[in-house]
Amino acid sequence: MKSVDFNSVKNRADVEALLTTNIPDIRIRQFIMKNLHRKNKNEFEWRIYLEGLENSLDQMFDAIDTITKFEKPTLFIKGGASDYILLEDFPQIRYNFPNAEIITIEGASHWVHVEAMERFYQLTMGFAIGEPSWYEG
């Protein structure tokens, strides 16, 4: 994202073409493109603070260490092929969220909402309306 020279682009397609070299995965590229916006009629810019992200990147992957508890029902949806939530994280999740449900969608990566859209929808909507068997079949 930092390598994009906004003086050399005329449209969104130009920006995406520049990103293709460093970000070959189209899904990730399209996700990143959501942060692009027009500064004015002829200029683009990133909507996010890239320097802040870059300076904090190491800390973003650190675990959250807190004794605070959230007592209300909470839903964690984990992609079976993702390493964002690991089995060893479950005890800490259950400590901080004693009423948590942790559901794994097998075969999905971290992008469960894209790769298992229907199942993700069923789980989140059932949870939101308090359906008694929201997580089953």
C-alpha atoms as a PDB file:
ATOM      1  CA  MET A   1       0.000   0.000   0.000  1.00  0.00           C
ATOM      2  CA  LYS A   2       2.855   2.356   0.804  1.00  0.00           C
ATOM      3  CA  SER A   3       4.439   1.683  -2.575  1.00  0.00           C
ATOM      4  CA  VAL A   4       1.509   3.195  -4.492  1.00  0.00           C
ATOM      5  CA  ASP A   5       2.501   6.509  -6.042  1.00  0.00           C
ATOM      6  CA  PHE A   6      -0.784   8.378  -6.181  1.00  0.00           C
ATOM      7  CA  ASN A   7       0.731  10.913  -8.598  1.00  0.00           C
ATOM      8  CA  SER A   8       0.938   8.188 -11.227  1.00  0.00           C
ATOM      9  CA  VAL A   9      -2.616   6.807 -11.018  1.00  0.00           C
ATOM     10  CA  LYS A  10      -5.767   8.022 -12.687  1.00  0.00           C
ATOM     11  CA  ASN A  11      -8.321   5.501 -11.446  1.00  0.00           C
ATOM     12  CA  ARG A  12      -8.939   2.580  -9.083  1.00  0.00           C
ATOM     13  CA  ALA A  13      -7.841   0.062 -11.722  1.00  0.00           C
ATOM     14  CA  ASP A  14      -4.410   1.724 -11.857  1.00  0.00           C
ATOM     15  CA  VAL A  15      -4.042   1.357  -8.081  1.00  0.00           C
ATOM     16  CA  GLU A  16      -5.123  -2.281  -8.144  1.00  0.00           C
ATOM     17  CA  ALA A  17      -2.665  -3.001 -10.967  1.00  0.00           C
ATOM     18  CA  LEU A  18       0.155  -1.547  -8.866  1.00  0.00           C
ATOM     19  CA  LEU A  19      -0.874  -3.682  -5.889  1.00  0.00           C
ATOM     20  CA  THR A  20      -0.928  -6.891  -7.948  1.00  0.00           C
ATOM     21  CA  THR A  21       2.869  -7.243  -7.871  1.00  0.00           C
ATOM     22  CA  ASN A  22       3.076  -7.377  -4.069  1.00  0.00           C
ATOM     23  CA  ILE A  23      -0.415  -8.748  -3.371  1.00  0.00           C
ATOM     24  CA  PRO A  24      -1.173 -11.520  -5.878  1.00  0.00           C
ATOM     25  CA  ASP A  25      -4.237 -12.831  -4.002  1.00  0.00           C
ATOM     26  CA  ILE A  26      -7.248 -11.079  -5.531  1.00  0.00           C
ATOM     27  CA  ARG A  27      -9.374 -11.428  -2.364  1.00  0.00           C
ATOM     28  CA  ILE A  28      -6.776  -9.700  -0.220  1.00  0.00           C
ATOM     29  CA  ARG A  29      -6.229  -7.052  -2.879  1.00  0.00           C
ATOM     30  CA  GLN A  30      -9.951  -6.330  -3.095  1.00  0.00           C
ATOM     31  CA  PHE A  31     -10.119  -6.131   0.696  1.00  0.00           C
ATOM     32  CA  ILE A  32      -7.259  -3.622   0.727  1.00  0.00           C
ATOM     33  CA  MET A  33      -8.888  -1.628  -2.071  1.00  0.00           C
ATOM     34  CA  LYS A  34     -11.800  -0.925   0.288  1.00  0.00           C
ATOM     35  CA  ASN A  35      -9.414   1.476   2.035  1.00  0.00           C
ATOM     36  CA  LEU A  36      -8.913   3.542  -1.108  1.00  0.00           C
ATOM     37  CA  HIS A  37     -10.959   6.687  -1.589  1.00  0.00           C
ATOM     38  CA  ARG A  38     -10.957   9.841  -3.643  1.00  0.00           C
ATOM     39  CA  LYS A  39      -9.307  12.759  -1.927  1.00  0.00           C
ATOM     40  CA  ASN A  40     -10.822  14.997  -4.604  1.00  0.00           C
ATOM     41  CA  LYS A  41     -11.860  14.647  -8.238  1.00  0.00           C
ATOM     42  CA  ASN A  42      -8.342  13.838  -9.464  1.00  0.00           C
ATOM     43  CA  GLU A  43      -6.595  12.340  -6.421  1.00  0.00           C
ATOM     44  CA  PHE A  44      -6.765   9.146  -4.388  1.00  0.00           C
ATOM     45  CA  GLU A  45      -5.447   8.313  -0.941  1.00  0.00           C
ATOM     46  CA  TRP A  46      -5.592   5.514   1.599  1.00  0.00           C
ATOM     47  CA  ARG A  47      -8.279   5.998   4.213  1.00  0.00           C
ATOM     48  CA  ILE A  48      -6.198   4.368   6.937  1.00  0.00           C
ATOM     49  CA  TYR A  49      -3.095   5.561   8.770  1.00  0.00           C
ATOM     50  CA  LEU A  50      -0.433   3.350   7.182  1.00  0.00           C
ATOM     51  CA  GLU A  51       2.465   4.627   9.287  1.00  0.00           C
ATOM     52  CA  GLY A  52       0.566   3.811  12.467  1.00  0.00           C
ATOM     53  CA  LEU A  53      -0.163   0.303  11.226  1.00  0.00           C
ATOM     54  CA  GLU A  54       3.436  -0.207  10.201  1.00  0.00           C
ATOM     55  CA  ASN A  55       4.775   1.060  13.536  1.00  0.00           C
ATOM     56  CA  SER A  56       2.372  -1.150  15.510  1.00  0.00           C
ATOM     57  CA  LEU A  57       2.413  -4.274  13.355  1.00  0.00           C
ATOM     58  CA  ASP A  58       4.409  -6.343  15.844  1.00  0.00           C
ATOM     59  CA  GLN A  59       2.023  -5.546  18.710  1.00  0.00           C
ATOM     60  CA  MET A  60      -1.089  -6.277  16.624  1.00  0.00           C
ATOM     61  CA  PHE A  61      -0.329  -9.982  16.789  1.00  0.00           C
ATOM     62  CA  ASP A  62       0.274 -10.052  20.539  1.00  0.00           C
ATOM     63  CA  ALA A  63      -2.357 -11.683  22.683  1.00  0.00           C
ATOM     64  CA  ILE A  64      -4.652  -9.446  24.675  1.00  0.00           C
ATOM     65  CA  ASP A  65      -3.729  -9.878  28.308  1.00  0.00           C
ATOM     66  CA  THR A  66      -6.530  -8.791  30.608  1.00  0.00           C
ATOM     67  CA  ILE A  67      -8.437 -10.111  33.604  1.00  0.00           C
ATOM     68  CA  THR A  68     -11.598  -8.299  32.502  1.00  0.00           C
ATOM     69  CA  LYS A  69     -14.607 -10.544  31.936  1.00  0.00           C
ATOM     70  CA  PHE A  70     -17.503 -10.038  29.563  1.00  0.00           C
ATOM     71  CA  GLU A  71     -20.414 -11.996  31.006  1.00  0.00           C
ATOM     72  CA  LYS A  72     -22.911 -11.756  28.152  1.00  0.00           C
ATOM     73  CA  PRO A  73     -23.260 -14.443  25.474  1.00  0.00           C
ATOM     74  CA  THR A  74     -20.469 -14.165  22.911  1.00  0.00           C
ATOM     75  CA  LEU A  75     -19.887 -16.002  19.657  1.00  0.00           C
ATOM     76  CA  PHE A  76     -16.450 -16.822  18.302  1.00  0.00           C
ATOM     77  CA  ILE A  77     -16.401 -18.295  14.800  1.00  0.00           C
ATOM     78  CA  LYS A  78     -13.119 -19.912  13.862  1.00  0.00           C
ATOM     79  CA  GLY A  79     -12.073 -21.100  10.430  1.00  0.00           C
ATOM     80  CA  GLY A  80     -10.739 -24.652  10.679  1.00  0.00           C
ATOM     81  CA  ALA A  81      -7.867 -23.763   8.330  1.00  0.00           C
ATOM     82  CA  SER A  82      -7.036 -20.532  10.195  1.00  0.00           C
ATOM     83  CA  ASP A  83      -4.424 -20.027  12.889  1.00  0.00           C
ATOM     84  CA  TYR A  84      -5.966 -16.807  14.244  1.00  0.00           C
ATOM     85  CA  ILE A  85      -7.658 -18.670  17.093  1.00  0.00           C
ATOM     86  CA  LEU A  86      -5.728 -21.708  18.332  1.00  0.00           C
ATOM     87  CA  LEU A  87      -6.845 -24.471  20.676  1.00  0.00           C
ATOM     88  CA  GLU A  88      -4.451 -23.116  23.291  1.00  0.00           C
ATOM     89  CA  ASP A  89      -6.367 -19.793  23.123  1.00  0.00           C
ATOM     90  CA  PHE A  90      -9.628 -21.434  24.243  1.00  0.00           C
ATOM     91  CA  PRO A  91      -8.939 -21.336  28.022  1.00  0.00           C
ATOM     92  CA  GLN A  92      -8.196 -17.592  27.905  1.00  0.00           C
ATOM     93  CA  ILE A  93     -11.263 -16.970  25.738  1.00  0.00           C
ATOM     94  CA  ARG A  94     -13.415 -18.927  28.168  1.00  0.00           C
ATOM     95  CA  TYR A  95     -11.922 -17.004  31.108  1.00  0.00           C
ATOM     96  CA  ASN A  96     -12.598 -13.577  29.570  1.00  0.00           C
ATOM     97  CA  PHE A  97     -15.897 -14.627  27.963  1.00  0.00           C
ATOM     98  CA  PRO A  98     -17.444 -17.196  30.335  1.00  0.00           C
ATOM     99  CA  ASN A  99     -20.593 -17.427  28.201  1.00  0.00           C
ATOM    100  CA  ALA A 100     -18.734 -17.858  24.924  1.00  0.00           C
ATOM    101  CA  GLU A 101     -19.545 -20.313  22.201  1.00  0.00           C
ATOM    102  CA  ILE A 102     -16.594 -21.167  19.971  1.00  0.00           C
ATOM    103  CA  ILE A 103     -17.648 -22.673  16.675  1.00  0.00           C
ATOM    104  CA  THR A 104     -15.231 -23.979  14.065  1.00  0.00           C
ATOM    105  CA  ILE A 105     -16.188 -24.004  10.405  1.00  0.00           C
ATOM    106  CA  GLU A 106     -14.009 -26.728   8.925  1.00  0.00           C
ATOM    107  CA  GLY A 107     -12.246 -25.955   5.673  1.00  0.00           C
ATOM    108  CA  ALA A 108     -12.594 -22.187   6.031  1.00  0.00           C
ATOM    109  CA  SER A 109      -9.668 -19.864   6.595  1.00  0.00           C
ATOM    110  CA  HIS A 110      -9.796 -16.631   8.571  1.00  0.00           C
ATOM    111  CA  TRP A 111     -12.236 -15.324   5.948  1.00  0.00           C
ATOM    112  CA  VAL A 112     -15.116 -17.527   7.104  1.00  0.00           C
ATOM    113  CA  HIS A 113     -17.653 -14.871   6.146  1.00  0.00           C
ATOM    114  CA  VAL A 114     -16.537 -15.219   2.511  1.00  0.00           C
ATOM    115  CA  GLU A 115     -15.589 -18.892   2.253  1.00  0.00           C
ATOM    116  CA  ALA A 116     -18.550 -20.297   4.196  1.00  0.00           C
ATOM    117  CA  MET A 117     -21.023 -17.474   3.713  1.00  0.00           C
ATOM    118  CA  GLU A 118     -24.236 -19.451   4.272  1.00  0.00           C
ATOM    119  CA  ARG A 119     -22.981 -21.224   7.410  1.00  0.00           C
ATOM    120  CA  PHE A 120     -21.567 -17.980   8.784  1.00  0.00           C
ATOM    121  CA  TYR A 121     -24.921 -16.285   8.191  1.00  0.00           C
ATOM    122  CA  GLN A 122     -26.830 -19.113   9.873  1.00  0.00           C
ATOM    123  CA  LEU A 123     -24.584 -19.016  12.923  1.00  0.00           C
ATOM    124  CA  THR A 124     -24.550 -15.258  13.374  1.00  0.00           C
ATOM    125  CA  MET A 125     -28.247 -14.718  12.721  1.00  0.00           C
ATOM    126  CA  GLY A 126     -29.276 -17.609  14.962  1.00  0.00           C
ATOM    127  CA  PHE A 127     -27.015 -16.290  17.705  1.00  0.00           C
ATOM    128  CA  ALA A 128     -28.306 -12.721  17.283  1.00  0.00           C
ATOM    129  CA  ILE A 129     -31.965 -13.710  17.659  1.00  0.00           C
ATOM    130  CA  GLY A 130     -31.245 -16.110  20.488  1.00  0.00           C
ATOM    131  CA  GLU A 131     -32.488 -19.190  18.685  1.00  0.00           C
ATOM    132  CA  PRO A 132     -32.075 -22.087  21.164  1.00  0.00           C
ATOM    133  CA  SER A 133     -30.307 -24.426  18.749  1.00  0.00           C
ATOM    134  CA  TRP A 134     -28.595 -21.755  16.656  1.00  0.00           C
ATOM    135  CA  TYR A 135     -25.327 -23.677  16.423  1.00  0.00           C
ATOM    136  CA  GLU A 136     -26.711 -27.068  15.436  1.00  0.00           C
ATOM    137  CA  GLY A 137     -27.044 -28.439  11.899  1.00  0.00           C
END
